[in-house]
Amino acid sequence: MSRATALRQLAVAGALALTLAGCSGATKAPAAKKPPAAQLATARIGLEKSPAVALTLSASGLPASASGVSGGTGTGLFSPPSFKGTLNASVAGVTGTVAVIAVDQDVFMKFFTPGYVKVDPKTYGAPNPAQLFNRQTGITSLLPLTTHLAQGPTVRSGSDVLHTITGQLPGAAVADLLVVGDRSGTFDVTYGLTDPGGELRSIVLKGPFYAGSISTYTVGLKTLAQPVAISRP
């Protein structure tokens, strides 16, 4: 091989190397996601540190005879566990919208009454909504109890793109939190996390909430930038 040919080959090799180096940023593969358990642990910390959380609740597949909560919307605080909003409730066959204020263990409802009345929500087959925001026993306590974790599909929820994580929860954990549910059963759960960001935005629970039927409860969560004042009426 002549010296001129060798120099030409060297120049071509150098140009090719520079070209590949320049393109490496454009073709770089996206970083792999953390394992599902680690993603949920991070999302839990972020939610629990929020100044306030907007919550929505909806249900489907409930039997006609079900008494309890079928939907709602409001704002919650983690410190102290508090909630203020409205719940769609069925009591003794009567369905209506109930205004609720709950702080720690105290729950006040306005249901066909001129003012708020202190109640025991378990009497109506309903959870204390403030306790959904209890860091030890509330909605976020379900995350580390979830088994058979797996990465699910990416879905769109309004303007958000969510990647999902699926798993299963023991019936006792669900029943302790929501008051209803087969304690010996198993519930499917799907968590929705923002992509990017990894914020917990939804929890979908499906299983034997009521005897003889499979029902679904969907909890929507969104962190708020500012706290909201919630106090006993």
C-alpha atoms as a PDB file:
ATOM      1  CA  MET A   1       0.000   0.000   0.000  1.00  0.00           C
ATOM      2  CA  SER A   2       1.354   3.391  -0.979  1.00  0.00           C
ATOM      3  CA  ARG A   3       1.818   6.090   1.589  1.00  0.00           C
ATOM      4  CA  ALA A   4      -0.797   8.273  -0.178  1.00  0.00           C
ATOM      5  CA  THR A   5      -3.422   5.491  -0.014  1.00  0.00           C
ATOM      6  CA  ALA A   6      -2.726   4.905   3.671  1.00  0.00           C
ATOM      7  CA  LEU A   7      -3.121   8.597   4.429  1.00  0.00           C
ATOM      8  CA  ARG A   8      -6.429   8.716   2.557  1.00  0.00           C
ATOM      9  CA  GLN A   9      -7.772   5.720   4.514  1.00  0.00           C
ATOM     10  CA  LEU A  10      -6.667   7.301   7.783  1.00  0.00           C
ATOM     11  CA  ALA A  11      -8.436  10.550   6.894  1.00  0.00           C
ATOM     12  CA  VAL A  12     -11.654   8.692   6.028  1.00  0.00           C
ATOM     13  CA  ALA A  13     -11.538   6.745   9.309  1.00  0.00           C
ATOM     14  CA  GLY A  14     -11.019   9.957  11.266  1.00  0.00           C
ATOM     15  CA  ALA A  15     -13.929  11.686   9.555  1.00  0.00           C
ATOM     16  CA  LEU A  16     -16.178   8.704  10.228  1.00  0.00           C
ATOM     17  CA  ALA A  17     -15.245   8.690  13.913  1.00  0.00           C
ATOM     18  CA  LEU A  18     -16.019  12.399  14.204  1.00  0.00           C
ATOM     19  CA  THR A  19     -19.345  11.928  12.464  1.00  0.00           C
ATOM     20  CA  LEU A  20     -20.370   9.117  14.817  1.00  0.00           C
ATOM     21  CA  ALA A  21     -19.312  11.157  17.836  1.00  0.00           C
ATOM     22  CA  GLY A  22     -21.355  14.119  16.655  1.00  0.00           C
ATOM     23  CA  CYS A  23     -24.432  11.963  16.206  1.00  0.00           C
ATOM     24  CA  SER A  24     -24.159  10.123  19.517  1.00  0.00           C
ATOM     25  CA  GLY A  25     -26.270  12.696  21.393  1.00  0.00           C
ATOM     26  CA  ALA A  26     -29.160  12.366  18.939  1.00  0.00           C
ATOM     27  CA  THR A  27     -29.236   8.560  19.029  1.00  0.00           C
ATOM     28  CA  LYS A  28     -28.605   8.078  22.737  1.00  0.00           C
ATOM     29  CA  ALA A  29     -31.084   5.588  24.193  1.00  0.00           C
ATOM     30  CA  PRO A  30     -33.402   6.887  26.925  1.00  0.00           C
ATOM     31  CA  ALA A  31     -32.387   6.107  30.477  1.00  0.00           C
ATOM     32  CA  ALA A  32     -33.937   2.933  31.820  1.00  0.00           C
ATOM     33  CA  LYS A  33     -36.695   3.397  34.391  1.00  0.00           C
ATOM     34  CA  LYS A  34     -36.081   2.384  37.970  1.00  0.00           C
ATOM     35  CA  PRO A  35     -37.706  -0.829  39.180  1.00  0.00           C
ATOM     36  CA  PRO A  36     -41.444  -0.379  39.871  1.00  0.00           C
ATOM     37  CA  ALA A  37     -41.006  -0.562  43.661  1.00  0.00           C
ATOM     38  CA  ALA A  38     -38.415   2.228  43.569  1.00  0.00           C
ATOM     39  CA  GLN A  39     -40.655   4.382  41.354  1.00  0.00           C
ATOM     40  CA  LEU A  40     -43.553   4.001  43.782  1.00  0.00           C
ATOM     41  CA  ALA A  41     -41.347   4.778  46.786  1.00  0.00           C
ATOM     42  CA  THR A  42     -40.189   8.016  45.160  1.00  0.00           C
ATOM     43  CA  ALA A  43     -43.732   8.955  44.141  1.00  0.00           C
ATOM     44  CA  ARG A  44     -44.942   8.365  47.695  1.00  0.00           C
ATOM     45  CA  ILE A  45     -42.355  10.715  49.161  1.00  0.00           C
ATOM     46  CA  GLY A  46     -43.244  13.423  46.654  1.00  0.00           C
ATOM     47  CA  LEU A  47     -46.982  13.181  47.305  1.00  0.00           C
ATOM     48  CA  GLU A  48     -46.638  13.168  51.078  1.00  0.00           C
ATOM     49  CA  LYS A  49     -44.481  16.309  50.957  1.00  0.00           C
ATOM     50  CA  SER A  50     -47.119  18.226  48.981  1.00  0.00           C
ATOM     51  CA  PRO A  51     -48.625  21.336  50.610  1.00  0.00           C
ATOM     52  CA  ALA A  52     -52.068  20.033  49.596  1.00  0.00           C
ATOM     53  CA  VAL A  53     -53.575  17.425  47.295  1.00  0.00           C
ATOM     54  CA  ALA A  54     -56.630  17.636  45.042  1.00  0.00           C
ATOM     55  CA  LEU A  55     -58.528  14.348  45.222  1.00  0.00           C
ATOM     56  CA  THR A  56     -61.235  12.853  43.031  1.00  0.00           C
ATOM     57  CA  LEU A  57     -63.005   9.556  43.593  1.00  0.00           C
ATOM     58  CA  SER A  58     -65.224   7.590  41.229  1.00  0.00           C
ATOM     59  CA  ALA A  59     -66.654   4.088  41.230  1.00  0.00           C
ATOM     60  CA  SER A  60     -68.117   1.656  38.732  1.00  0.00           C
ATOM     61  CA  GLY A  61     -69.718  -1.747  38.960  1.00  0.00           C
ATOM     62  CA  LEU A  62     -71.308  -1.099  42.356  1.00  0.00           C
ATOM     63  CA  PRO A  63     -74.359  -3.242  43.156  1.00  0.00           C
ATOM     64  CA  ALA A  64     -77.670  -1.391  43.472  1.00  0.00           C
ATOM     65  CA  SER A  65     -77.896  -2.305  47.156  1.00  0.00           C
ATOM     66  CA  ALA A  66     -74.485  -0.848  48.040  1.00  0.00           C
ATOM     67  CA  SER A  67     -74.364   1.690  50.864  1.00  0.00           C
ATOM     68  CA  GLY A  68     -71.360   3.968  51.075  1.00  0.00           C
ATOM     69  CA  VAL A  69     -69.382   6.332  48.916  1.00  0.00           C
ATOM     70  CA  SER A  70     -69.538   6.158  45.122  1.00  0.00           C
ATOM     71  CA  GLY A  71     -67.665   9.352  44.246  1.00  0.00           C
ATOM     72  CA  GLY A  72     -66.381  12.650  45.450  1.00  0.00           C
ATOM     73  CA  THR A  73     -64.023  15.560  45.079  1.00  0.00           C
ATOM     74  CA  GLY A  74     -62.095  17.719  47.494  1.00  0.00           C
ATOM     75  CA  THR A  75     -58.768  18.761  48.960  1.00  0.00           C
ATOM     76  CA  GLY A  76     -56.630  16.891  51.441  1.00  0.00           C
ATOM     77  CA  LEU A  77     -53.690  17.619  53.723  1.00  0.00           C
ATOM     78  CA  PHE A  78     -51.158  15.203  55.157  1.00  0.00           C
ATOM     79  CA  SER A  79     -50.403  17.314  58.238  1.00  0.00           C
ATOM     80  CA  PRO A  80     -52.661  16.939  60.068  1.00  0.00           C
ATOM     81  CA  PRO A  81     -54.653  14.392  58.056  1.00  0.00           C
ATOM     82  CA  SER A  82     -57.559  16.482  56.770  1.00  0.00           C
ATOM     83  CA  PHE A  83     -60.138  16.632  53.988  1.00  0.00           C
ATOM     84  CA  LYS A  84     -62.707  19.137  52.799  1.00  0.00           C
ATOM     85  CA  GLY A  85     -65.054  18.562  49.899  1.00  0.00           C
ATOM     86  CA  THR A  86     -68.116  16.642  48.798  1.00  0.00           C
ATOM     87  CA  LEU A  87     -68.884  12.939  48.609  1.00  0.00           C
ATOM     88  CA  ASN A  88     -71.578  11.119  46.659  1.00  0.00           C
ATOM     89  CA  ALA A  89     -73.111   8.807  49.235  1.00  0.00           C
ATOM     90  CA  SER A  90     -75.881   6.210  49.400  1.00  0.00           C
ATOM     91  CA  VAL A  91     -77.557   5.780  52.772  1.00  0.00           C
ATOM     92  CA  ALA A  92     -80.527   3.443  53.265  1.00  0.00           C
ATOM     93  CA  GLY A  93     -81.345   3.607  49.574  1.00  0.00           C
ATOM     94  CA  VAL A  94     -81.124   7.401  49.412  1.00  0.00           C
ATOM     95  CA  THR A  95     -78.361   8.855  47.272  1.00  0.00           C
ATOM     96  CA  GLY A  96     -77.147  12.409  47.549  1.00  0.00           C
ATOM     97  CA  THR A  97     -74.187  14.732  47.697  1.00  0.00           C
ATOM     98  CA  VAL A  98     -72.733  15.183  51.154  1.00  0.00           C
ATOM     99  CA  ALA A  99     -70.553  18.113  52.198  1.00  0.00           C
ATOM    100  CA  VAL A 100     -67.742  16.819  54.390  1.00  0.00           C
ATOM    101  CA  ILE A 101     -65.067  18.305  56.619  1.00  0.00           C
ATOM    102  CA  ALA A 102     -62.747  15.855  58.357  1.00  0.00           C
ATOM    103  CA  VAL A 103     -59.763  16.595  60.560  1.00  0.00           C
ATOM    104  CA  ASP A 104     -57.833  13.690  62.035  1.00  0.00           C
ATOM    105  CA  GLN A 105     -60.460  11.426  63.679  1.00  0.00           C
ATOM    106  CA  ASP A 106     -63.308  13.961  63.577  1.00  0.00           C
ATOM    107  CA  VAL A 107     -65.748  13.825  60.653  1.00  0.00           C
ATOM    108  CA  PHE A 108     -68.525  16.342  60.037  1.00  0.00           C
ATOM    109  CA  MET A 109     -71.206  15.925  57.372  1.00  0.00           C
ATOM    110  CA  LYS A 110     -73.990  18.090  56.015  1.00  0.00           C
ATOM    111  CA  PHE A 111     -76.588  15.637  54.699  1.00  0.00           C
ATOM    112  CA  PHE A 112     -80.168  16.982  54.632  1.00  0.00           C
ATOM    113  CA  THR A 113     -79.205  19.173  57.595  1.00  0.00           C
ATOM    114  CA  PRO A 114     -78.745  22.971  57.789  1.00  0.00           C
ATOM    115  CA  GLY A 115     -75.283  22.672  59.278  1.00  0.00           C
ATOM    116  CA  TYR A 116     -72.484  20.196  59.776  1.00  0.00           C
ATOM    117  CA  VAL A 117     -73.124  17.300  62.147  1.00  0.00           C
ATOM    118  CA  LYS A 118     -70.405  15.161  63.685  1.00  0.00           C
ATOM    119  CA  VAL A 119     -70.772  11.547  62.551  1.00  0.00           C
ATOM    120  CA  ASP A 120     -69.087   8.167  62.567  1.00  0.00           C
ATOM    121  CA  PRO A 121     -68.654   7.478  58.838  1.00  0.00           C
ATOM    122  CA  LYS A 122     -68.384   3.715  59.403  1.00  0.00           C
ATOM    123  CA  THR A 123     -72.087   3.807  60.280  1.00  0.00           C
ATOM    124  CA  TYR A 124     -72.708   4.590  56.604  1.00  0.00           C
ATOM    125  CA  GLY A 125     -70.147   2.167  55.223  1.00  0.00           C
ATOM    126  CA  ALA A 126     -67.791   5.011  54.415  1.00  0.00           C
ATOM    127  CA  PRO A 127     -64.177   5.722  55.353  1.00  0.00           C
ATOM    128  CA  ASN A 128     -62.967   8.747  57.250  1.00  0.00           C
ATOM    129  CA  PRO A 129     -61.714  10.822  54.284  1.00  0.00           C
ATOM    130  CA  ALA A 130     -59.111  12.567  56.441  1.00  0.00           C
ATOM    131  CA  GLN A 131     -57.465   9.213  57.108  1.00  0.00           C
ATOM    132  CA  LEU A 132     -56.844   8.758  53.398  1.00  0.00           C
ATOM    133  CA  PHE A 133     -54.060  11.279  54.049  1.00  0.00           C
ATOM    134  CA  ASN A 134     -52.571   9.523  57.055  1.00  0.00           C
ATOM    135  CA  ARG A 135     -48.940   8.814  56.175  1.00  0.00           C
ATOM    136  CA  GLN A 136     -48.897   5.556  58.152  1.00  0.00           C
ATOM    137  CA  THR A 137     -52.269   4.039  57.260  1.00  0.00           C
ATOM    138  CA  GLY A 138     -53.660   6.116  54.395  1.00  0.00           C
ATOM    139  CA  ILE A 139     -53.761   5.782  50.638  1.00  0.00           C
ATOM    140  CA  THR A 140     -49.969   6.000  50.251  1.00  0.00           C
ATOM    141  CA  SER A 141     -49.504   3.098  52.671  1.00  0.00           C
ATOM    142  CA  LEU A 142     -50.880   0.806  49.957  1.00  0.00           C
ATOM    143  CA  LEU A 143     -47.836   1.306  47.739  1.00  0.00           C
ATOM    144  CA  PRO A 144     -45.288  -0.764  49.700  1.00  0.00           C
ATOM    145  CA  LEU A 145     -47.927  -3.463  50.336  1.00  0.00           C
ATOM    146  CA  THR A 146     -48.394  -4.075  46.613  1.00  0.00           C
ATOM    147  CA  THR A 147     -47.108  -7.402  45.295  1.00  0.00           C
ATOM    148  CA  HIS A 148     -46.512  -8.785  41.778  1.00  0.00           C
ATOM    149  CA  LEU A 149     -45.410  -5.365  40.555  1.00  0.00           C
ATOM    150  CA  ALA A 150     -45.007  -4.953  36.808  1.00  0.00           C
ATOM    151  CA  GLN A 151     -44.550  -2.097  34.380  1.00  0.00           C
ATOM    152  CA  GLY A 152     -47.800  -1.439  32.521  1.00  0.00           C
ATOM    153  CA  PRO A 153     -48.672   0.516  29.373  1.00  0.00           C
ATOM    154  CA  THR A 154     -48.457   4.256  28.887  1.00  0.00           C
ATOM    155  CA  VAL A 155     -51.843   6.004  28.915  1.00  0.00           C
ATOM    156  CA  ARG A 156     -53.139   9.535  28.545  1.00  0.00           C
ATOM    157  CA  SER A 157     -55.153  11.204  31.291  1.00  0.00           C
ATOM    158  CA  GLY A 158     -56.302  14.645  30.195  1.00  0.00           C
ATOM    159  CA  SER A 159     -53.173  16.653  29.448  1.00  0.00           C
ATOM    160  CA  ASP A 160     -50.943  14.182  31.300  1.00  0.00           C
ATOM    161  CA  VAL A 161     -49.107  11.183  29.936  1.00  0.00           C
ATOM    162  CA  LEU A 162     -48.935   8.468  32.580  1.00  0.00           C
ATOM    163  CA  HIS A 163     -46.912   5.310  32.705  1.00  0.00           C
ATOM    164  CA  THR A 164     -48.587   2.632  34.747  1.00  0.00           C
ATOM    165  CA  ILE A 165     -47.481   0.087  37.298  1.00  0.00           C
ATOM    166  CA  THR A 166     -49.729  -2.879  38.012  1.00  0.00           C
ATOM    167  CA  GLY A 167     -49.880  -5.187  40.999  1.00  0.00           C
ATOM    168  CA  GLN A 168     -52.058  -6.840  43.613  1.00  0.00           C
ATOM    169  CA  LEU A 169     -53.155  -5.900  47.121  1.00  0.00           C
ATOM    170  CA  PRO A 170     -54.433  -8.084  49.972  1.00  0.00           C
ATOM    171  CA  GLY A 171     -58.108  -7.576  50.768  1.00  0.00           C
ATOM    172  CA  ALA A 172     -57.376  -6.693  54.398  1.00  0.00           C
ATOM    173  CA  ALA A 173     -55.317  -3.640  53.371  1.00  0.00           C
ATOM    174  CA  VAL A 174     -58.096  -2.360  51.109  1.00  0.00           C
ATOM    175  CA  ALA A 175     -60.859  -3.028  53.632  1.00  0.00           C
ATOM    176  CA  ASP A 176     -58.940  -1.338  56.442  1.00  0.00           C
ATOM    177  CA  LEU A 177     -58.600   1.797  54.334  1.00  0.00           C
ATOM    178  CA  LEU A 178     -61.967   2.008  52.566  1.00  0.00           C
ATOM    179  CA  VAL A 179     -64.143   0.147  55.116  1.00  0.00           C
ATOM    180  CA  VAL A 180     -65.672  -1.999  52.353  1.00  0.00           C
ATOM    181  CA  GLY A 181     -64.090  -5.006  50.670  1.00  0.00           C
ATOM    182  CA  ASP A 182     -63.593  -8.754  51.085  1.00  0.00           C
ATOM    183  CA  ARG A 183     -60.788  -9.042  53.642  1.00  0.00           C
ATOM    184  CA  SER A 184     -59.885 -12.509  52.382  1.00  0.00           C
ATOM    185  CA  GLY A 185     -59.893 -11.476  48.719  1.00  0.00           C
ATOM    186  CA  THR A 186     -57.273 -10.044  46.392  1.00  0.00           C
ATOM    187  CA  PHE A 187     -57.530  -6.719  44.584  1.00  0.00           C
ATOM    188  CA  ASP A 188     -55.881  -5.657  41.346  1.00  0.00           C
ATOM    189  CA  VAL A 189     -54.295  -2.213  41.459  1.00  0.00           C
ATOM    190  CA  THR A 190     -52.927   0.087  38.778  1.00  0.00           C
ATOM    191  CA  TYR A 191     -50.873   3.156  39.659  1.00  0.00           C
ATOM    192  CA  GLY A 192     -50.516   6.008  37.173  1.00  0.00           C
ATOM    193  CA  LEU A 193     -47.341   8.120  37.345  1.00  0.00           C
ATOM    194  CA  THR A 194     -46.576  11.191  35.258  1.00  0.00           C
ATOM    195  CA  ASP A 195     -44.062  10.680  32.462  1.00  0.00           C
ATOM    196  CA  PRO A 196     -41.777  12.499  32.893  1.00  0.00           C
ATOM    197  CA  GLY A 197     -41.840  13.482  36.547  1.00  0.00           C
ATOM    198  CA  GLY A 198     -42.946  10.285  38.252  1.00  0.00           C
ATOM    199  CA  GLU A 199     -45.721  11.977  40.287  1.00  0.00           C
ATOM    200  CA  LEU A 200     -48.491   9.688  41.515  1.00  0.00           C
ATOM    201  CA  ARG A 201     -51.695  10.791  39.773  1.00  0.00           C
ATOM    202  CA  SER A 202     -54.065   7.837  39.949  1.00  0.00           C
ATOM    203  CA  ILE A 203     -54.803   4.640  41.829  1.00  0.00           C
ATOM    204  CA  VAL A 204     -57.310   2.186  40.339  1.00  0.00           C
ATOM    205  CA  LEU A 205     -58.538  -0.605  42.626  1.00  0.00           C
ATOM    206  CA  LYS A 206     -60.579  -3.485  41.210  1.00  0.00           C
ATOM    207  CA  GLY A 207     -61.943  -6.416  43.152  1.00  0.00           C
ATOM    208  CA  PRO A 208     -64.623  -7.818  45.485  1.00  0.00           C
ATOM    209  CA  PHE A 209     -65.692  -4.682  47.320  1.00  0.00           C
ATOM    210  CA  TYR A 210     -69.211  -6.085  47.686  1.00  0.00           C
ATOM    211  CA  ALA A 211     -70.339  -9.717  47.825  1.00  0.00           C
ATOM    212  CA  GLY A 212     -71.214 -11.210  44.473  1.00  0.00           C
ATOM    213  CA  SER A 213     -69.738  -8.423  42.331  1.00  0.00           C
ATOM    214  CA  ILE A 214     -66.470  -6.986  41.102  1.00  0.00           C
ATOM    215  CA  SER A 215     -66.282  -3.211  41.424  1.00  0.00           C
ATOM    216  CA  THR A 216     -63.711  -0.558  40.607  1.00  0.00           C
ATOM    217  CA  TYR A 217     -62.723   2.536  42.575  1.00  0.00           C
ATOM    218  CA  THR A 218     -60.535   5.159  40.914  1.00  0.00           C
ATOM    219  CA  VAL A 219     -58.675   7.733  43.000  1.00  0.00           C
ATOM    220  CA  GLY A 220     -57.254  10.786  41.217  1.00  0.00           C
ATOM    221  CA  LEU A 221     -54.504  12.762  42.927  1.00  0.00           C
ATOM    222  CA  LYS A 222     -52.827  16.044  42.015  1.00  0.00           C
ATOM    223  CA  THR A 223     -50.339  17.979  44.102  1.00  0.00           C
ATOM    224  CA  LEU A 224     -51.109  21.634  44.782  1.00  0.00           C
ATOM    225  CA  ALA A 225     -48.499  24.365  45.132  1.00  0.00           C
ATOM    226  CA  GLN A 226     -50.136  26.054  48.108  1.00  0.00           C
ATOM    227  CA  PRO A 227     -51.701  24.692  51.315  1.00  0.00           C
ATOM    228  CA  VAL A 228     -55.419  24.965  51.949  1.00  0.00           C
ATOM    229  CA  ALA A 229     -56.898  25.854  55.332  1.00  0.00           C
ATOM    230  CA  ILE A 230     -59.089  23.044  56.706  1.00  0.00           C
ATOM    231  CA  SER A 231     -60.531  23.307  60.216  1.00  0.00           C
ATOM    232  CA  ARG A 232     -63.358  21.781  62.216  1.00  0.00           C
ATOM    233  CA  PRO A 233     -66.689  23.598  61.699  1.00  0.00           C
END
